PDB file of N, CA and C in Angstrom:
ATOM      1  N   UNK A   1       0.844  -1.171   0.000  1.00  0.00           N
ATOM      2  CA  UNK A   1       0.000   0.000   0.000  1.00  0.00           C
ATOM      3  C   UNK A   1       0.893   1.239   0.000  1.00  0.00           C
ATOM      4  N   UNK A   2       0.928   1.985  -1.081  1.00  0.00           N
ATOM      5  CA  UNK A   2       1.803   3.162  -1.141  1.00  0.00           C
ATOM      6  C   UNK A   2       1.281   4.286  -0.255  1.00  0.00           C
ATOM      7  N   UNK A   3       2.210   5.032   0.279  1.00  0.00           N
ATOM      8  CA  UNK A   3       1.878   6.169   1.138  1.00  0.00           C
ATOM      9  C   UNK A   3       1.981   7.434   0.304  1.00  0.00           C
ATOM     10  N   UNK A   4       0.946   8.252   0.344  1.00  0.00           N
ATOM     11  CA  UNK A   4       0.928   9.498  -0.413  1.00  0.00           C
ATOM     12  C   UNK A   4       1.597  10.587   0.411  1.00  0.00           C
ATOM     13  N   UNK A   5       2.878  10.856   0.130  1.00  0.00           N
ATOM     14  CA  UNK A   5       3.611  11.873   0.883  1.00  0.00           C
ATOM     15  C   UNK A   5       3.187  13.285   0.525  1.00  0.00           C
ATOM     16  N   UNK A   6       2.445  13.452  -0.572  1.00  0.00           N
ATOM     17  CA  UNK A   6       1.985  14.793  -0.926  1.00  0.00           C
ATOM     18  C   UNK A   6       0.876  15.261   0.013  1.00  0.00           C
ATOM     19  N   UNK A   7       0.369  14.369   0.858  1.00  0.00           N
ATOM     20  CA  UNK A   7      -0.664  14.764   1.815  1.00  0.00           C
ATOM     21  C   UNK A   7      -0.091  15.575   2.966  1.00  0.00           C
ATOM     22  N   UNK A   8       1.227  15.568   3.138  1.00  0.00           N
ATOM     23  CA  UNK A   8       1.866  16.358   4.191  1.00  0.00           C
ATOM     24  C   UNK A   8       2.122  17.755   3.648  1.00  0.00           C
ATOM     25  N   UNK A   9       1.561  18.745   4.294  1.00  0.00           N
ATOM     26  CA  UNK A   9       1.786  20.132   3.892  1.00  0.00           C
ATOM     27  C   UNK A   9       3.058  20.609   4.576  1.00  0.00           C
ATOM     28  N   UNK A  10       4.152  20.644   3.830  1.00  0.00           N
ATOM     29  CA  UNK A  10       5.447  20.992   4.409  1.00  0.00           C
ATOM     30  C   UNK A  10       5.515  22.445   4.859  1.00  0.00           C
ATOM     31  N   UNK A  11       4.596  23.269   4.409  1.00  0.00           N
ATOM     32  CA  UNK A  11       4.580  24.669   4.851  1.00  0.00           C
ATOM     33  C   UNK A  11       4.102  24.788   6.296  1.00  0.00           C
ATOM     34  N   UNK A  12       3.355  23.798   6.782  1.00  0.00           N
ATOM     35  CA  UNK A  12       2.852  23.857   8.155  1.00  0.00           C
ATOM     36  C   UNK A  12       3.792  23.203   9.156  1.00  0.00           C
ATOM     37  N   UNK A  13       4.864  22.604   8.680  1.00  0.00           N
ATOM     38  CA  UNK A  13       5.812  21.933   9.571  1.00  0.00           C
ATOM     39  C   UNK A  13       6.588  22.982  10.362  1.00  0.00           C
ATOM     40  N   UNK A  14       6.649  22.803  11.655  1.00  0.00           N
ATOM     41  CA  UNK A  14       7.448  23.680  12.516  1.00  0.00           C
ATOM     42  C   UNK A  14       8.883  23.159  12.468  1.00  0.00           C
ATOM     43  N   UNK A  15       9.677  23.660  11.524  1.00  0.00           N
ATOM     44  CA  UNK A  15      11.009  23.127  11.275  1.00  0.00           C
ATOM     45  C   UNK A  15      11.963  23.390  12.426  1.00  0.00           C
ATOM     46  N   UNK A  16      11.760  24.468  13.152  1.00  0.00           N
ATOM     47  CA  UNK A  16      12.618  24.731  14.321  1.00  0.00           C
ATOM     48  C   UNK A  16      12.393  23.642  15.368  1.00  0.00           C
ATOM     49  N   UNK A  17      11.143  23.298  15.609  1.00  0.00           N
ATOM     50  CA  UNK A  17      10.803  22.242  16.566  1.00  0.00           C
ATOM     51  C   UNK A  17      11.399  20.907  16.118  1.00  0.00           C
ATOM     52  N   UNK A  18      11.256  20.592  14.835  1.00  0.00           N
ATOM     53  CA  UNK A  18      11.830  19.351  14.303  1.00  0.00           C
ATOM     54  C   UNK A  18      13.344  19.369  14.453  1.00  0.00           C
ATOM     55  N   UNK A  19      13.967  20.508  14.157  1.00  0.00           N
ATOM     56  CA  UNK A  19      15.420  20.618  14.279  1.00  0.00           C
ATOM     57  C   UNK A  19      15.904  20.447  15.703  1.00  0.00           C
ATOM     58  N   UNK A  20      15.201  21.068  16.650  1.00  0.00           N
ATOM     59  CA  UNK A  20      15.589  20.938  18.061  1.00  0.00           C
ATOM     60  C   UNK A  20      15.479  19.488  18.511  1.00  0.00           C
ATOM     61  N   UNK A  21      14.391  18.831  18.146  1.00  0.00           N
ATOM     62  CA  UNK A  21      14.243  17.427  18.534  1.00  0.00           C
ATOM     63  C   UNK A  21      15.280  16.546  17.834  1.00  0.00           C
ATOM     64  N   UNK A  22      15.602  16.852  16.587  1.00  0.00           N
ATOM     65  CA  UNK A  22      16.627  16.079  15.879  1.00  0.00           C
ATOM     66  C   UNK A  22      17.993  16.256  16.534  1.00  0.00           C
ATOM     67  N   UNK A  23      18.298  17.473  16.989  1.00  0.00           N
ATOM     68  CA  UNK A  23      19.564  17.711  17.696  1.00  0.00           C
ATOM     69  C   UNK A  23      19.587  16.922  19.002  1.00  0.00           C
ATOM     70  N   UNK A  24      18.470  16.892  19.704  1.00  0.00           N
ATOM     71  CA  UNK A  24      18.413  16.112  20.950  1.00  0.00           C
ATOM     72  C   UNK A  24      18.633  14.626  20.680  1.00  0.00           C
ATOM     73  N   UNK A  25      18.024  14.119  19.622  1.00  0.00           N
ATOM     74  CA  UNK A  25      18.229  12.709  19.279  1.00  0.00           C
ATOM     75  C   UNK A  25      19.683  12.471  18.883  1.00  0.00           C
ATOM     76  N   UNK A  26      20.260  13.411  18.126  1.00  0.00           N
ATOM     77  CA  UNK A  26      21.664  13.284  17.726  1.00  0.00           C
ATOM     78  C   UNK A  26      22.559  13.216  18.952  1.00  0.00           C
ATOM     79  N   UNK A  27      22.361  14.139  19.889  1.00  0.00           N
ATOM     80  CA  UNK A  27      23.198  14.152  21.097  1.00  0.00           C
ATOM     81  C   UNK A  27      22.992  12.898  21.939  1.00  0.00           C
ATOM     82  N   UNK A  28      21.761  12.470  22.070  1.00  0.00           N
ATOM     83  CA  UNK A  28      21.495  11.265  22.858  1.00  0.00           C
ATOM     84  C   UNK A  28      22.142  10.040  22.223  1.00  0.00           C
ATOM     85  N   UNK A  29      22.035   9.931  20.906  1.00  0.00           N
ATOM     86  CA  UNK A  29      22.653   8.796  20.222  1.00  0.00           C
ATOM     87  C   UNK A  29      24.170   8.866  20.296  1.00  0.00           C
ATOM     88  N   UNK A  30      24.715  10.070  20.148  1.00  0.00           N
ATOM     89  CA  UNK A  30      26.163  10.244  20.219  1.00  0.00           C
ATOM     90  C   UNK A  30      26.687   9.866  21.605  1.00  0.00           C
ATOM     91  N   UNK A  31      26.009  10.317  22.648  1.00  0.00           N
ATOM     92  CA  UNK A  31      26.430   9.980  24.016  1.00  0.00           C
ATOM     93  C   UNK A  31      26.344   8.476  24.243  1.00  0.00           C
ATOM     94  N   UNK A  32      25.272   7.874  23.749  1.00  0.00           N
ATOM     95  CA  UNK A  32      25.126   6.425  23.920  1.00  0.00           C
ATOM     96  C   UNK A  32      26.229   5.666  23.192  1.00  0.00           C
ATOM     97  N   UNK A  33      26.605   6.142  22.025  1.00  0.00           N
ATOM     98  CA  UNK A  33      27.672   5.463  21.284  1.00  0.00           C
ATOM     99  C   UNK A  33      29.037   5.690  21.915  1.00  0.00           C
ATOM    100  N   UNK A  34      29.260   6.848  22.530  1.00  0.00           N
ATOM    101  CA  UNK A  34      30.524   7.085  23.234  1.00  0.00           C
ATOM    102  C   UNK A  34      30.616   6.153  24.438  1.00  0.00           C
ATOM    103  N   UNK A  35      29.490   5.968  25.108  1.00  0.00           N
ATOM    104  CA  UNK A  35      29.494   5.074  26.267  1.00  0.00           C
ATOM    105  C   UNK A  35      29.776   3.624  25.870  1.00  0.00           C
ATOM    106  N   UNK A  36      29.521   3.293  24.621  1.00  0.00           N
ATOM    107  CA  UNK A  36      29.816   1.926  24.164  1.00  0.00           C
ATOM    108  C   UNK A  36      31.207   1.824  23.556  1.00  0.00           C
ATOM    109  N   UNK A  37      32.010   2.875  23.708  1.00  0.00           N
ATOM    110  CA  UNK A  37      33.401   2.909  23.253  1.00  0.00           C
ATOM    111  C   UNK A  37      33.542   2.702  21.751  1.00  0.00           C
ATOM    112  N   UNK A  38      32.575   3.132  20.969  1.00  0.00           N
ATOM    113  CA  UNK A  38      32.674   3.012  19.516  1.00  0.00           C
ATOM    114  C   UNK A  38      32.581   4.387  18.872  1.00  0.00           C
ATOM    115  N   UNK A  39      33.213   4.516  17.704  1.00  0.00           N
ATOM    116  CA  UNK A  39      33.126   5.768  16.957  1.00  0.00           C
ATOM    117  C   UNK A  39      31.930   5.651  16.022  1.00  0.00           C
ATOM    118  N   UNK A  40      30.843   6.247  16.425  1.00  0.00           N
ATOM    119  CA  UNK A  40      29.605   6.085  15.685  1.00  0.00           C
ATOM    120  C   UNK A  40      28.980   7.435  15.332  1.00  0.00           C
ATOM    121  N   UNK A  41      29.793   8.386  14.942  1.00  0.00           N
ATOM    122  CA  UNK A  41      29.288   9.723  14.601  1.00  0.00           C
ATOM    123  C   UNK A  41      28.313   9.703  13.437  1.00  0.00           C
ATOM    124  N   UNK A  42      28.649   8.909  12.409  1.00  0.00           N
ATOM    125  CA  UNK A  42      27.753   8.830  11.256  1.00  0.00           C
ATOM    126  C   UNK A  42      26.444   8.149  11.636  1.00  0.00           C
ATOM    127  N   UNK A  43      26.508   7.156  12.519  1.00  0.00           N
ATOM    128  CA  UNK A  43      25.283   6.493  12.966  1.00  0.00           C
ATOM    129  C   UNK A  43      24.400   7.464  13.745  1.00  0.00           C
ATOM    130  N   UNK A  44      25.011   8.333  14.544  1.00  0.00           N
ATOM    131  CA  UNK A  44      24.235   9.322  15.293  1.00  0.00           C
ATOM    132  C   UNK A  44      23.573  10.315  14.341  1.00  0.00           C
ATOM    133  N   UNK A  45      24.293  10.747  13.309  1.00  0.00           N
ATOM    134  CA  UNK A  45      23.723  11.676  12.331  1.00  0.00           C
ATOM    135  C   UNK A  45      22.567  11.021  11.577  1.00  0.00           C
ATOM    136  N   UNK A  46      22.764   9.780  11.146  1.00  0.00           N
ATOM    137  CA  UNK A  46      21.706   9.059  10.450  1.00  0.00           C
ATOM    138  C   UNK A  46      20.502   8.854  11.361  1.00  0.00           C
ATOM    139  N   UNK A  47      20.746   8.587  12.625  1.00  0.00           N
ATOM    140  CA  UNK A  47      19.666   8.438  13.594  1.00  0.00           C
ATOM    141  C   UNK A  47      18.848   9.722  13.703  1.00  0.00           C
ATOM    142  N   UNK A  48      19.521  10.870  13.712  1.00  0.00           N
ATOM    143  CA  UNK A  48      18.819  12.157  13.797  1.00  0.00           C
ATOM    144  C   UNK A  48      17.986  12.410  12.544  1.00  0.00           C
ATOM    145  N   UNK A  49      18.527  12.089  11.376  1.00  0.00           N
ATOM    146  CA  UNK A  49      17.787  12.300  10.128  1.00  0.00           C
ATOM    147  C   UNK A  49      16.561  11.393  10.077  1.00  0.00           C
ATOM    148  N   UNK A  50      16.736  10.129  10.462  1.00  0.00           N
ATOM    149  CA  UNK A  50      15.601   9.207  10.474  1.00  0.00           C
ATOM    150  C   UNK A  50      14.540   9.648  11.478  1.00  0.00           C
ATOM    151  N   UNK A  51      14.977  10.120  12.640  1.00  0.00           N
ATOM    152  CA  UNK A  51      14.016  10.615  13.618  1.00  0.00           C
ATOM    153  C   UNK A  51      13.218  11.781  13.046  1.00  0.00           C
ATOM    154  N   UNK A  52      13.897  12.710  12.380  1.00  0.00           N
ATOM    155  CA  UNK A  52      13.194  13.859  11.801  1.00  0.00           C
ATOM    156  C   UNK A  52      12.156  13.393  10.780  1.00  0.00           C
ATOM    157  N   UNK A  53      12.504  12.403   9.957  1.00  0.00           N
ATOM    158  CA  UNK A  53      11.559  11.895   8.958  1.00  0.00           C
ATOM    159  C   UNK A  53      10.358  11.231   9.626  1.00  0.00           C
ATOM    160  N   UNK A  54      10.612  10.405  10.628  1.00  0.00           N
ATOM    161  CA  UNK A  54       9.508   9.759  11.339  1.00  0.00           C
ATOM    162  C   UNK A  54       8.643  10.778  12.073  1.00  0.00           C
ATOM    163  N   UNK A  55       9.278  11.778  12.657  1.00  0.00           N
ATOM    164  CA  UNK A  55       8.531  12.791  13.398  1.00  0.00           C
ATOM    165  C   UNK A  55       7.605  13.577  12.471  1.00  0.00           C
ATOM    166  N   UNK A  56       8.111  13.973  11.310  1.00  0.00           N
ATOM    167  CA  UNK A  56       7.268  14.715  10.358  1.00  0.00           C
ATOM    168  C   UNK A  56       6.121  13.823   9.882  1.00  0.00           C
ATOM    169  N   UNK A  57       6.410  12.558   9.602  1.00  0.00           N
ATOM    170  CA  UNK A  57       5.346  11.648   9.188  1.00  0.00           C
ATOM    171  C   UNK A  57       4.304  11.434  10.269  1.00  0.00           C
ATOM    172  N   UNK A  58       4.737  11.298  11.501  1.00  0.00           N
ATOM    173  CA  UNK A  58       3.837  11.070  12.631  1.00  0.00           C
ATOM    174  C   UNK A  58       2.975  12.293  12.908  1.00  0.00           C
ATOM    175  N   UNK A  59       3.597  13.472  12.875  1.00  0.00           N
ATOM    176  CA  UNK A  59       2.903  14.680  13.305  1.00  0.00           C
ATOM    177  C   UNK A  59       2.071  15.320  12.205  1.00  0.00           C
ATOM    178  N   UNK A  60       2.556  15.312  10.977  1.00  0.00           N
ATOM    179  CA  UNK A  60       1.917  16.113   9.939  1.00  0.00           C
ATOM    180  C   UNK A  60       1.201  15.310   8.862  1.00  0.00           C
ATOM    181  N   UNK A  61       1.304  13.990   8.843  1.00  0.00           N
ATOM    182  CA  UNK A  61       0.589  13.209   7.850  1.00  0.00           C
ATOM    183  C   UNK A  61      -0.861  13.054   8.306  1.00  0.00           C
ATOM    184  N   UNK A  62      -1.842  13.344   7.444  1.00  0.00           N
ATOM    185  CA  UNK A  62      -3.252  13.262   7.867  1.00  0.00           C
ATOM    186  C   UNK A  62      -3.759  11.820   7.844  1.00  0.00           C
ATOM    187  N   UNK A  63      -3.344  11.021   8.800  1.00  0.00           N
ATOM    188  CA  UNK A  63      -3.708   9.609   8.813  1.00  0.00           C
ATOM    189  C   UNK A  63      -5.016   9.339   9.536  1.00  0.00           C
ATOM    190  N   UNK A  64      -5.589  10.318  10.210  1.00  0.00           N
ATOM    191  CA  UNK A  64      -6.893  10.152  10.836  1.00  0.00           C
ATOM    192  C   UNK A  64      -6.872   9.360  12.127  1.00  0.00           C
ATOM    193  N   UNK A  65      -5.716   9.043  12.650  1.00  0.00           N
ATOM    194  CA  UNK A  65      -5.634   8.322  13.913  1.00  0.00           C
ATOM    195  C   UNK A  65      -5.477   9.324  15.052  1.00  0.00           C
ATOM    196  N   UNK A  66      -6.040   9.038  16.219  1.00  0.00           N
ATOM    197  CA  UNK A  66      -5.921   9.983  17.341  1.00  0.00           C
ATOM    198  C   UNK A  66      -4.559   9.878  18.023  1.00  0.00           C
ATOM    199  N   UNK A  67      -3.511  10.301  17.337  1.00  0.00           N
ATOM    200  CA  UNK A  67      -2.159  10.239  17.886  1.00  0.00           C
ATOM    201  C   UNK A  67      -1.788  11.592  18.473  1.00  0.00           C
ATOM    202  N   UNK A  68      -0.946  11.612  19.499  1.00  0.00           N
ATOM    203  CA  UNK A  68      -0.512  12.913  20.028  1.00  0.00           C
ATOM    204  C   UNK A  68       0.380  13.610  19.009  1.00  0.00           C
ATOM    205  N   UNK A  69       0.089  14.877  18.737  1.00  0.00           N
ATOM    206  CA  UNK A  69       0.863  15.618  17.746  1.00  0.00           C
ATOM    207  C   UNK A  69       1.497  16.867  18.309  1.00  0.00           C
ATOM    208  N   UNK A  70       1.252  17.210  19.546  1.00  0.00           N
ATOM    209  CA  UNK A  70       1.825  18.411  20.142  1.00  0.00           C
ATOM    210  C   UNK A  70       2.279  18.078  21.556  1.00  0.00           C
ATOM    211  N   UNK A  71       3.370  18.704  21.967  1.00  0.00           N
ATOM    212  CA  UNK A  71       3.810  18.545  23.347  1.00  0.00           C
ATOM    213  C   UNK A  71       3.050  19.478  24.266  1.00  0.00           C
ATOM    214  N   UNK A  72       2.670  20.642  23.759  1.00  0.00           N
ATOM    215  CA  UNK A  72       1.954  21.619  24.573  1.00  0.00           C
ATOM    216  C   UNK A  72       0.482  21.233  24.665  1.00  0.00           C
ATOM    217  N   UNK A  73      -0.121  21.591  25.764  1.00  0.00           N
ATOM    218  CA  UNK A  73      -1.546  21.347  25.934  1.00  0.00           C
ATOM    219  C   UNK A  73      -2.324  22.250  24.983  1.00  0.00           C
ATOM    220  N   UNK A  74      -3.490  21.797  24.553  1.00  0.00           N
ATOM    221  CA  UNK A  74      -4.269  22.652  23.675  1.00  0.00           C
ATOM    222  C   UNK A  74      -4.697  23.929  24.388  1.00  0.00           C
ATOM    223  N   UNK A  75      -4.784  24.985  23.617  1.00  0.00           N
ATOM    224  CA  UNK A  75      -5.176  26.272  24.193  1.00  0.00           C
ATOM    225  C   UNK A  75      -6.608  26.180  24.702  1.00  0.00           C
ATOM    226  N   UNK A  76      -6.852  26.650  25.911  1.00  0.00           N
ATOM    227  CA  UNK A  76      -8.214  26.575  26.437  1.00  0.00           C
ATOM    228  C   UNK A  76      -9.137  27.497  25.646  1.00  0.00           C
ATOM    229  N   UNK A  77     -10.319  27.010  25.408  1.00  0.00           N
ATOM    230  CA  UNK A  77     -11.313  27.795  24.687  1.00  0.00           C
ATOM    231  C   UNK A  77     -12.019  28.680  25.699  1.00  0.00           C
ATOM    232  N   UNK A  78     -12.020  29.967  25.415  1.00  0.00           N
ATOM    233  CA  UNK A  78     -12.653  30.910  26.335  1.00  0.00           C
ATOM    234  C   UNK A  78     -14.164  30.779  26.223  1.00  0.00           C
ATOM    235  N   UNK A  79     -14.801  30.521  27.342  1.00  0.00           N
ATOM    236  CA  UNK A  79     -16.254  30.424  27.367  1.00  0.00           C
ATOM    237  C   UNK A  79     -16.835  31.832  27.334  1.00  0.00           C
ATOM    238  N   UNK A  80     -17.941  31.994  26.635  1.00  0.00           N
ATOM    239  CA  UNK A  80     -18.533  33.329  26.614  1.00  0.00           C
ATOM    240  C   UNK A  80     -19.000  33.719  28.015  1.00  0.00           C
ATOM    241  N   UNK A  81     -18.826  34.977  28.316  1.00  0.00           N
ATOM    242  CA  UNK A  81     -19.208  35.470  29.641  1.00  0.00           C
ATOM    243  C   UNK A  81     -20.726  35.439  29.769  1.00  0.00           C
ATOM    244  N   UNK A  82     -21.227  35.034  30.927  1.00  0.00           N
ATOM    245  CA  UNK A  82     -22.679  35.032  31.107  1.00  0.00           C
ATOM    246  C   UNK A  82     -23.193  36.474  31.106  1.00  0.00           C
ATOM    247  N   UNK A  83     -24.423  36.660  30.670  1.00  0.00           N
ATOM    248  CA  UNK A  83     -24.953  38.022  30.657  1.00  0.00           C
ATOM    249  C   UNK A  83     -25.084  38.540  32.090  1.00  0.00           C
ATOM    250  N   UNK A  84     -24.933  39.836  32.266  1.00  0.00           N
ATOM    251  CA  UNK A  84     -25.048  40.376  33.625  1.00  0.00           C
ATOM    252  C   UNK A  84     -26.471  40.178  34.140  1.00  0.00           C
ATOM    253  N   UNK A  85     -26.616  39.935  35.428  1.00  0.00           N
ATOM    254  CA  UNK A  85     -27.967  39.721  35.966  1.00  0.00           C
ATOM    255  C   UNK A  85     -28.795  41.003  35.851  1.00  0.00           C
ATOM    256  N   UNK A  86     -30.072  40.787  35.654  1.00  0.00           N
ATOM    257  CA  UNK A  86     -30.978  41.933  35.560  1.00  0.00           C
ATOM    258  C   UNK A  86     -31.062  42.605  36.931  1.00  0.00           C
ATOM    259  N   UNK A  87     -31.160  43.924  36.957  1.00  0.00           N
ATOM    260  CA  UNK A  87     -31.264  44.595  38.263  1.00  0.00           C
ATOM    261  C   UNK A  87     -32.544  44.164  38.966  1.00  0.00           C
ATOM    262  N   UNK A  88     -32.398  43.753  40.192  1.00  0.00           N
ATOM    263  CA  UNK A  88     -33.539  43.270  40.965  1.00  0.00           C
ATOM    264  C   UNK A  88     -34.271  44.446  41.603  1.00  0.00           C
ATOM    265  N   UNK A  89     -35.592  44.326  41.612  1.00  0.00           N
ATOM    266  CA  UNK A  89     -36.401  45.351  42.278  1.00  0.00           C
ATOM    267  C   UNK A  89     -36.250  45.163  43.784  1.00  0.00           C
ATOM    268  N   UNK A  90     -36.301  46.234  44.556  1.00  0.00           N
ATOM    269  CA  UNK A  90     -36.193  46.076  46.007  1.00  0.00           C
ATOM    270  C   UNK A  90     -37.330  45.196  46.526  1.00  0.00           C
ATOM    271  N   UNK A  91     -36.988  44.278  47.375  1.00  0.00           N
ATOM    272  CA  UNK A  91     -37.962  43.325  47.905  1.00  0.00           C
ATOM    273  C   UNK A  91     -38.314  43.723  49.334  1.00  0.00           C
ATOM    274  N   UNK A  92     -39.607  43.747  49.604  1.00  0.00           N
ATOM    275  CA  UNK A  92     -40.072  44.024  50.965  1.00  0.00           C
ATOM    276  C   UNK A  92     -39.877  42.767  51.803  1.00  0.00           C
ATOM    277  N   UNK A  93     -39.451  42.919  53.054  1.00  0.00           N
ATOM    278  CA  UNK A  93     -39.322  41.720  53.885  1.00  0.00           C
ATOM    279  C   UNK A  93     -40.683  41.048  54.060  1.00  0.00           C
ATOM    280  N   UNK A  94     -40.685  39.750  53.926  1.00  0.00           N
ATOM    281  CA  UNK A  94     -41.939  39.015  54.035  1.00  0.00           C
ATOM    282  C   UNK A  94     -42.218  38.673  55.490  1.00  0.00           C
ATOM    283  N   UNK A  95     -43.470  38.721  55.816  1.00  0.00           N
ATOM    284  CA  UNK A  95     -43.889  38.310  57.153  1.00  0.00           C
ATOM    285  C   UNK A  95     -44.094  36.809  57.132  1.00  0.00           C
ATOM    286  N   UNK A  96     -43.741  36.123  58.216  1.00  0.00           N
ATOM    287  CA  UNK A  96     -43.976  34.680  58.248  1.00  0.00           C
ATOM    288  C   UNK A  96     -45.471  34.379  58.246  1.00  0.00           C
ATOM    289  N   UNK A  97     -45.840  33.301  57.598  1.00  0.00           N
ATOM    290  CA  UNK A  97     -47.248  32.922  57.540  1.00  0.00           C
ATOM    291  C   UNK A  97     -47.675  32.184  58.800  1.00  0.00           C
ATOM    292  N   UNK A  98     -46.748  31.785  59.618  1.00  0.00           N
ATOM    293  CA  UNK A  98     -47.057  31.107  60.870  1.00  0.00           C
ATOM    294  C   UNK A  98     -47.505  32.163  61.883  1.00  0.00           C
ATOM    295  N   UNK A  99     -48.694  32.000  62.485  1.00  0.00           N
ATOM    296  CA  UNK A  99     -49.167  33.026  63.422  1.00  0.00           C
ATOM    297  C   UNK A  99     -48.431  33.007  64.756  1.00  0.00           C
ATOM    298  N   UNK A 100     -47.721  31.938  65.072  1.00  0.00           N
ATOM    299  CA  UNK A 100     -47.041  31.857  66.356  1.00  0.00           C
ATOM    300  C   UNK A 100     -45.760  32.673  66.258  1.00  0.00           C
ATOM    301  N   UNK A 101     -45.619  33.631  67.158  1.00  0.00           N
ATOM    302  CA  UNK A 101     -44.410  34.440  67.161  1.00  0.00           C
ATOM    303  C   UNK A 101     -43.577  34.195  68.393  1.00  0.00           C
ATOM    304  N   UNK A 102     -44.119  33.458  69.350  1.00  0.00           N
ATOM    305  CA  UNK A 102     -43.419  33.177  70.599  1.00  0.00           C
ATOM    306  C   UNK A 102     -43.049  31.701  70.616  1.00  0.00           C
ATOM    307  N   UNK A 103     -41.792  31.392  70.915  1.00  0.00           N
ATOM    308  CA  UNK A 103     -41.375  29.993  70.896  1.00  0.00           C
ATOM    309  C   UNK A 103     -41.197  29.419  72.301  1.00  0.00           C
ATOM    310  N   UNK A 104     -41.699  30.126  73.318  1.00  0.00           N
ATOM    311  CA  UNK A 104     -41.592  29.592  74.682  1.00  0.00           C
ATOM    312  C   UNK A 104     -42.560  28.433  74.836  1.00  0.00           C
ATOM    313  N   UNK A 105     -42.180  27.436  75.624  1.00  0.00           N
ATOM    314  CA  UNK A 105     -43.072  26.281  75.783  1.00  0.00           C
ATOM    315  C   UNK A 105     -44.338  26.681  76.561  1.00  0.00           C
ATOM    316  N   UNK A 106     -45.397  25.971  76.315  1.00  0.00           N
ATOM    317  CA  UNK A 106     -46.635  26.296  77.049  1.00  0.00           C
ATOM    318  C   UNK A 106     -46.488  25.962  78.533  1.00  0.00           C
ATOM    319  N   UNK A 107     -47.296  26.599  79.311  1.00  0.00           N
ATOM    320  CA  UNK A 107     -47.277  26.350  80.761  1.00  0.00           C
ATOM    321  C   UNK A 107     -47.773  24.935  81.028  1.00  0.00           C
ATOM    322  N   UNK A 108     -47.188  24.274  82.028  1.00  0.00           N
ATOM    323  CA  UNK A 108     -47.633  22.902  82.323  1.00  0.00           C
ATOM    324  C   UNK A 108     -49.084  22.887  82.829  1.00  0.00           C
ATOM    325  N   UNK A 109     -49.813  21.888  82.452  1.00  0.00           N
ATOM    326  CA  UNK A 109     -51.211  21.743  82.885  1.00  0.00           C
ATOM    327  C   UNK A 109     -51.256  21.268  84.316  1.00  0.00           C
ATOM    328  N   UNK A 110     -52.239  21.770  85.123  1.00  0.00           N
ATOM    329  CA  UNK A 110     -52.366  21.372  86.524  1.00  0.00           C
ATOM    330  C   UNK A 110     -53.485  20.461  86.722  1.00  0.00           C
TER     331      UNK A 110
END
């Protein structure tokens, strides 16, 4: 199944971001190869180039899969402000509907 690379809009690629990540991969691969006591500078460079290609394919190809494409959280959508409350008319204090106004207990029956 051939992959249509023309579906990637290269104008929308954040090349600085890709470059920074490619440099990080290059340095990580270079350090790992130094720790293995081998001269692998070309392998580190090739690793960075391959990472950049995979990253562009993963992030910018419209494959329709729900894959993470950004490190930053999505910008929060501002909710519209609720309308201001209507000015309330002054309210008269209400009288209780209970006729009892005294809460003392009744006198004991004799």
